[in-house]
């Protein structure tokens, strides 16, 4: 997208030290501030923790959660709402058919594959 002043590829160390860092500083920001903003925007857009981990090149998703856990707080409410919807749909199905999902499953007799 961008080229070096004399053409050719733009080298990250040169661009970062000569252009990016000074542009960020003139805006009162650090490159780390911009990184945090990018992570925040990704979470707000619905990115999962593994996607944010890869984007930030963190070695693990747990590190991403340790740093950005506060950004994922609304996810718990969304999960609870989806679980409530699933239970309501199951209950509606039970009332309509008299069975859970149209069939009764005895979990005591159900075996995992390979057993």
Protein backbone atom coordinates (compact mmCIF):
# COMPACT_ATOMS: atom_id res chain seq x y z
CA UNK A 1 0.00 0.00 0.00
CA UNK A 2 2.83 2.38 0.85
CA UNK A 3 6.26 2.50 -0.69
CA UNK A 4 9.60 3.84 0.49
CA UNK A 5 10.44 7.44 -0.50
CA UNK A 6 12.54 6.19 -3.43
CA UNK A 7 10.09 3.43 -4.33
CA UNK A 8 10.36 -0.23 -3.41
CA UNK A 9 9.14 -1.95 -0.28
CA UNK A 10 8.61 -0.03 2.90
CA UNK A 11 10.66 -1.55 5.71
CA UNK A 12 8.80 -1.70 9.03
CA UNK A 13 11.72 -0.61 11.28
CA UNK A 14 12.40 2.42 9.09
CA UNK A 15 8.75 3.39 8.74
CA UNK A 16 8.04 2.91 12.42
CA UNK A 17 10.96 4.98 13.66
CA UNK A 18 10.84 7.70 10.99
CA UNK A 19 7.12 8.15 10.40
CA UNK A 20 4.75 6.12 12.57
CA UNK A 21 6.20 6.85 16.03
CA UNK A 22 6.44 10.59 15.39
CA UNK A 23 2.92 10.72 13.91
CA UNK A 24 1.54 8.88 16.95
CA UNK A 25 3.47 11.18 19.33
CA UNK A 26 2.17 14.30 17.58
CA UNK A 27 -1.35 12.96 18.23
CA UNK A 28 -0.45 12.39 21.89
CA UNK A 29 -0.41 8.61 21.49
CA UNK A 30 2.07 5.79 21.63
CA UNK A 31 2.14 2.81 19.29
CA UNK A 32 0.96 0.76 22.31
CA UNK A 33 -2.10 3.02 22.65
CA UNK A 34 -2.96 2.32 19.03
CA UNK A 35 -2.45 -1.42 19.57
CA UNK A 36 -4.84 -1.34 22.53
CA UNK A 37 -7.37 0.61 20.45
CA UNK A 38 -7.13 -1.99 17.66
CA UNK A 39 -7.75 -4.78 20.20
CA UNK A 40 -10.70 -2.89 21.69
CA UNK A 41 -12.25 -2.32 18.27
CA UNK A 42 -11.80 -5.99 17.36
CA UNK A 43 -13.55 -7.12 20.55
CA UNK A 44 -16.33 -4.57 20.01
CA UNK A 45 -16.78 -5.93 16.47
CA UNK A 46 -17.35 -9.41 17.90
CA UNK A 47 -13.93 -10.98 17.39
CA UNK A 48 -13.33 -14.00 19.58
CA UNK A 49 -10.37 -14.18 21.91
CA UNK A 50 -8.40 -16.50 19.60
CA UNK A 51 -8.70 -14.02 16.73
CA UNK A 52 -7.53 -11.16 18.96
CA UNK A 53 -4.67 -13.34 20.23
CA UNK A 54 -3.47 -13.98 16.67
CA UNK A 55 -3.91 -10.34 15.69
CA UNK A 56 -1.77 -9.17 18.60
CA UNK A 57 0.67 -12.09 18.26
CA UNK A 58 0.21 -13.07 21.89
CA UNK A 59 1.65 -16.51 22.70
CA UNK A 60 -1.65 -17.67 24.24
CA UNK A 61 -5.31 -16.75 24.48
CA UNK A 62 -4.94 -16.67 28.27
CA UNK A 63 -2.42 -13.83 27.93
CA UNK A 64 -4.89 -11.92 25.75
CA UNK A 65 -7.61 -12.47 28.35
CA UNK A 66 -5.30 -11.40 31.16
CA UNK A 67 -4.59 -8.11 29.38
CA UNK A 68 -8.00 -7.44 27.81
CA UNK A 69 -10.45 -9.37 30.05
CA UNK A 70 -12.49 -6.26 30.78
CA UNK A 71 -13.32 -5.90 27.10
CA UNK A 72 -14.98 -9.33 26.99
CA UNK A 73 -17.34 -8.66 29.93
CA UNK A 74 -20.48 -8.29 27.81
CA UNK A 75 -19.88 -11.76 26.39
CA UNK A 76 -21.12 -13.32 29.63
CA UNK A 77 -24.46 -11.54 29.32
CA UNK A 78 -24.77 -12.61 25.68
CA UNK A 79 -24.04 -16.25 26.58
CA UNK A 80 -26.63 -16.16 29.38
CA UNK A 81 -29.22 -14.71 26.98
CA UNK A 82 -28.51 -17.40 24.37
CA UNK A 83 -28.80 -20.13 27.01
CA UNK A 84 -32.15 -18.70 28.14
CA UNK A 85 -33.33 -18.72 24.51
CA UNK A 86 -32.18 -22.33 24.05
CA UNK A 87 -34.01 -23.45 27.20
CA UNK A 88 -37.15 -21.59 26.15
CA UNK A 89 -37.03 -23.23 22.69
CA UNK A 90 -36.51 -26.66 24.27
CA UNK A 91 -39.42 -26.09 26.66
CA UNK A 92 -41.65 -24.93 23.79
CA UNK A 93 -40.72 -28.08 21.84
CA UNK A 94 -41.47 -30.24 24.87
CA UNK A 95 -44.88 -28.65 25.33
CA UNK A 96 -45.65 -29.16 21.63
CA UNK A 97 -44.43 -32.77 21.27
CA UNK A 98 -44.35 -34.13 24.81
CA UNK A 99 -40.66 -35.04 24.40
CA UNK A 100 -37.38 -33.22 24.47
CA UNK A 101 -36.41 -32.67 20.86
CA UNK A 102 -39.02 -35.14 19.68
CA UNK A 103 -37.34 -38.14 21.36
CA UNK A 104 -36.50 -39.30 24.85
CA UNK A 105 -32.81 -39.96 25.42
CA UNK A 106 -31.77 -42.02 28.44
CA UNK A 107 -28.40 -40.50 29.23
CA UNK A 108 -27.58 -43.42 31.54
CA UNK A 109 -27.67 -45.81 28.57
CA UNK A 110 -26.00 -43.47 26.09
CA UNK A 111 -22.38 -44.34 25.36
CA UNK A 112 -19.65 -42.23 23.88
CA UNK A 113 -18.24 -43.31 20.50
CA UNK A 114 -15.32 -45.69 20.92
CA UNK A 115 -16.51 -47.15 24.20
